[in-house]
Amino acid sequence: EYNTSKEFLERDDPENILNYKELTKKVISFVEKGRHKLLEVLTHNILNLLMEDERVRYAKVEVDKPHALRFAKSVSVIMEKKRNI
């Protein structure tokens, strides 16, 4: 969730709206460069990375690690953060 004013929507200018492709690339680069031992730490750091953009009011991040445990398809951690406005 991000702060989109009526003015931004009326201008239809991509420069003023969150670019999800750029955000995705930023997260992928962050994950590929880092060495995280705990899913909780990785999830927390990704959440903080997304919240660096002042337009982001709310973010929810889920990090999934397939086959982390025997007899389980995956293990995941979900964290969310809301900016006080």
C-alpha atoms as a PDB file:
ATOM      1  CA  GLU A   1       0.000   0.000   0.000  1.00  0.00           C
ATOM      2  CA  TYR A   2       1.336   3.405  -0.848  1.00  0.00           C
ATOM      3  CA  ASN A   3       0.209   6.992  -0.724  1.00  0.00           C
ATOM      4  CA  THR A   4      -1.338   7.911  -4.068  1.00  0.00           C
ATOM      5  CA  SER A   5      -2.922  11.311  -4.190  1.00  0.00           C
ATOM      6  CA  LYS A   6      -5.633  12.259  -6.662  1.00  0.00           C
ATOM      7  CA  GLU A   7      -3.093  14.582  -8.309  1.00  0.00           C
ATOM      8  CA  PHE A   8      -0.776  11.662  -9.166  1.00  0.00           C
ATOM      9  CA  LEU A   9      -3.626   9.632 -10.591  1.00  0.00           C
ATOM     10  CA  GLU A  10      -4.848  12.504 -12.740  1.00  0.00           C
ATOM     11  CA  ARG A  11      -1.387  13.175 -14.219  1.00  0.00           C
ATOM     12  CA  ASP A  12      -0.902   9.540 -15.259  1.00  0.00           C
ATOM     13  CA  ASP A  13       2.870  10.010 -14.943  1.00  0.00           C
ATOM     14  CA  PRO A  14       4.821   6.801 -14.175  1.00  0.00           C
ATOM     15  CA  GLU A  15       7.637   8.836 -12.593  1.00  0.00           C
ATOM     16  CA  ASN A  16       5.412   9.684  -9.617  1.00  0.00           C
ATOM     17  CA  ILE A  17       4.114   6.191  -8.892  1.00  0.00           C
ATOM     18  CA  LEU A  18       5.937   3.295  -7.253  1.00  0.00           C
ATOM     19  CA  ASN A  19       7.686   1.224  -9.872  1.00  0.00           C
ATOM     20  CA  TYR A  20       7.144  -2.392  -8.836  1.00  0.00           C
ATOM     21  CA  LYS A  21       9.695  -3.641 -11.347  1.00  0.00           C
ATOM     22  CA  GLU A  22      12.392  -1.441  -9.765  1.00  0.00           C
ATOM     23  CA  LEU A  23      11.350  -2.505  -6.257  1.00  0.00           C
ATOM     24  CA  THR A  24      11.535  -6.156  -7.278  1.00  0.00           C
ATOM     25  CA  LYS A  25      15.015  -5.691  -8.757  1.00  0.00           C
ATOM     26  CA  LYS A  26      16.120  -3.898  -5.580  1.00  0.00           C
ATOM     27  CA  VAL A  27      14.905  -6.769  -3.376  1.00  0.00           C
ATOM     28  CA  ILE A  28      16.459  -9.441  -5.618  1.00  0.00           C
ATOM     29  CA  SER A  29      19.800  -7.615  -5.629  1.00  0.00           C
ATOM     30  CA  PHE A  30      19.681  -7.241  -1.843  1.00  0.00           C
ATOM     31  CA  VAL A  31      18.949 -10.945  -1.330  1.00  0.00           C
ATOM     32  CA  GLU A  32      21.604 -12.095  -3.807  1.00  0.00           C
ATOM     33  CA  LYS A  33      24.327  -9.931  -2.227  1.00  0.00           C
ATOM     34  CA  GLY A  34      23.539 -10.823   1.378  1.00  0.00           C
ATOM     35  CA  ARG A  35      24.243 -13.851   3.519  1.00  0.00           C
ATOM     36  CA  HIS A  36      21.396 -14.286   5.975  1.00  0.00           C
ATOM     37  CA  LYS A  37      21.287 -17.223   8.355  1.00  0.00           C
ATOM     38  CA  LEU A  38      17.762 -16.591   9.634  1.00  0.00           C
ATOM     39  CA  LEU A  39      14.579 -16.139   7.610  1.00  0.00           C
ATOM     40  CA  GLU A  40      13.375 -13.709  10.263  1.00  0.00           C
ATOM     41  CA  VAL A  41      16.364 -11.402   9.718  1.00  0.00           C
ATOM     42  CA  LEU A  42      16.053 -11.560   5.926  1.00  0.00           C
ATOM     43  CA  THR A  43      12.321 -10.817   6.084  1.00  0.00           C
ATOM     44  CA  HIS A  44      12.874  -7.902   8.482  1.00  0.00           C
ATOM     45  CA  ASN A  45      15.601  -6.415   6.272  1.00  0.00           C
ATOM     46  CA  ILE A  46      13.501  -6.692   3.102  1.00  0.00           C
ATOM     47  CA  LEU A  47      10.617  -4.998   4.895  1.00  0.00           C
ATOM     48  CA  ASN A  48      12.874  -2.119   5.969  1.00  0.00           C
ATOM     49  CA  LEU A  49      14.227  -1.836   2.423  1.00  0.00           C
ATOM     50  CA  LEU A  50      10.692  -1.391   1.068  1.00  0.00           C
ATOM     51  CA  MET A  51       9.772   1.116   3.777  1.00  0.00           C
ATOM     52  CA  GLU A  52      12.714   3.354   2.805  1.00  0.00           C
ATOM     53  CA  ASP A  53      10.441   4.861   0.159  1.00  0.00           C
ATOM     54  CA  GLU A  54       8.336   7.493   1.946  1.00  0.00           C
ATOM     55  CA  ARG A  55       5.365   6.752  -0.326  1.00  0.00           C
ATOM     56  CA  VAL A  56       5.031   3.245   1.096  1.00  0.00           C
ATOM     57  CA  ARG A  57       2.473   3.325   3.904  1.00  0.00           C
ATOM     58  CA  TYR A  58       2.142  -0.411   4.481  1.00  0.00           C
ATOM     59  CA  ALA A  59       4.129  -3.437   3.402  1.00  0.00           C
ATOM     60  CA  LYS A  60       3.773  -7.141   4.033  1.00  0.00           C
ATOM     61  CA  VAL A  61       6.653  -9.471   3.209  1.00  0.00           C
ATOM     62  CA  GLU A  62       6.667 -13.250   3.108  1.00  0.00           C
ATOM     63  CA  VAL A  63       9.920 -15.152   2.656  1.00  0.00           C
ATOM     64  CA  ASP A  64       9.565 -18.823   1.837  1.00  0.00           C
ATOM     65  CA  LYS A  65      12.300 -21.459   2.066  1.00  0.00           C
ATOM     66  CA  PRO A  66      11.287 -24.643   0.250  1.00  0.00           C
ATOM     67  CA  HIS A  67      12.322 -27.984   1.762  1.00  0.00           C
ATOM     68  CA  ALA A  68      13.841 -26.363   4.866  1.00  0.00           C
ATOM     69  CA  LEU A  69      12.415 -29.084   7.090  1.00  0.00           C
ATOM     70  CA  ARG A  70      12.069 -32.773   6.509  1.00  0.00           C
ATOM     71  CA  PHE A  71       8.499 -33.785   5.615  1.00  0.00           C
ATOM     72  CA  ALA A  72       7.486 -30.156   5.013  1.00  0.00           C
ATOM     73  CA  LYS A  73       7.042 -28.455   1.659  1.00  0.00           C
ATOM     74  CA  SER A  74       8.459 -25.206   3.010  1.00  0.00           C
ATOM     75  CA  VAL A  75       8.932 -22.855   5.928  1.00  0.00           C
ATOM     76  CA  SER A  76       7.999 -19.199   5.702  1.00  0.00           C
ATOM     77  CA  VAL A  77       8.102 -16.016   7.753  1.00  0.00           C
ATOM     78  CA  ILE A  78       5.622 -13.174   7.287  1.00  0.00           C
ATOM     79  CA  MET A  79       6.169  -9.659   8.636  1.00  0.00           C
ATOM     80  CA  GLU A  80       4.306  -6.435   8.056  1.00  0.00           C
ATOM     81  CA  LYS A  81       4.886  -2.806   8.859  1.00  0.00           C
ATOM     82  CA  LYS A  82       2.666   0.260   8.780  1.00  0.00           C
ATOM     83  CA  ARG A  83       3.903   3.827   8.637  1.00  0.00           C
ATOM     84  CA  ASN A  84       2.337   6.252  11.100  1.00  0.00           C
ATOM     85  CA  ILE A  85       0.884   9.122   9.109  1.00  0.00           C
END
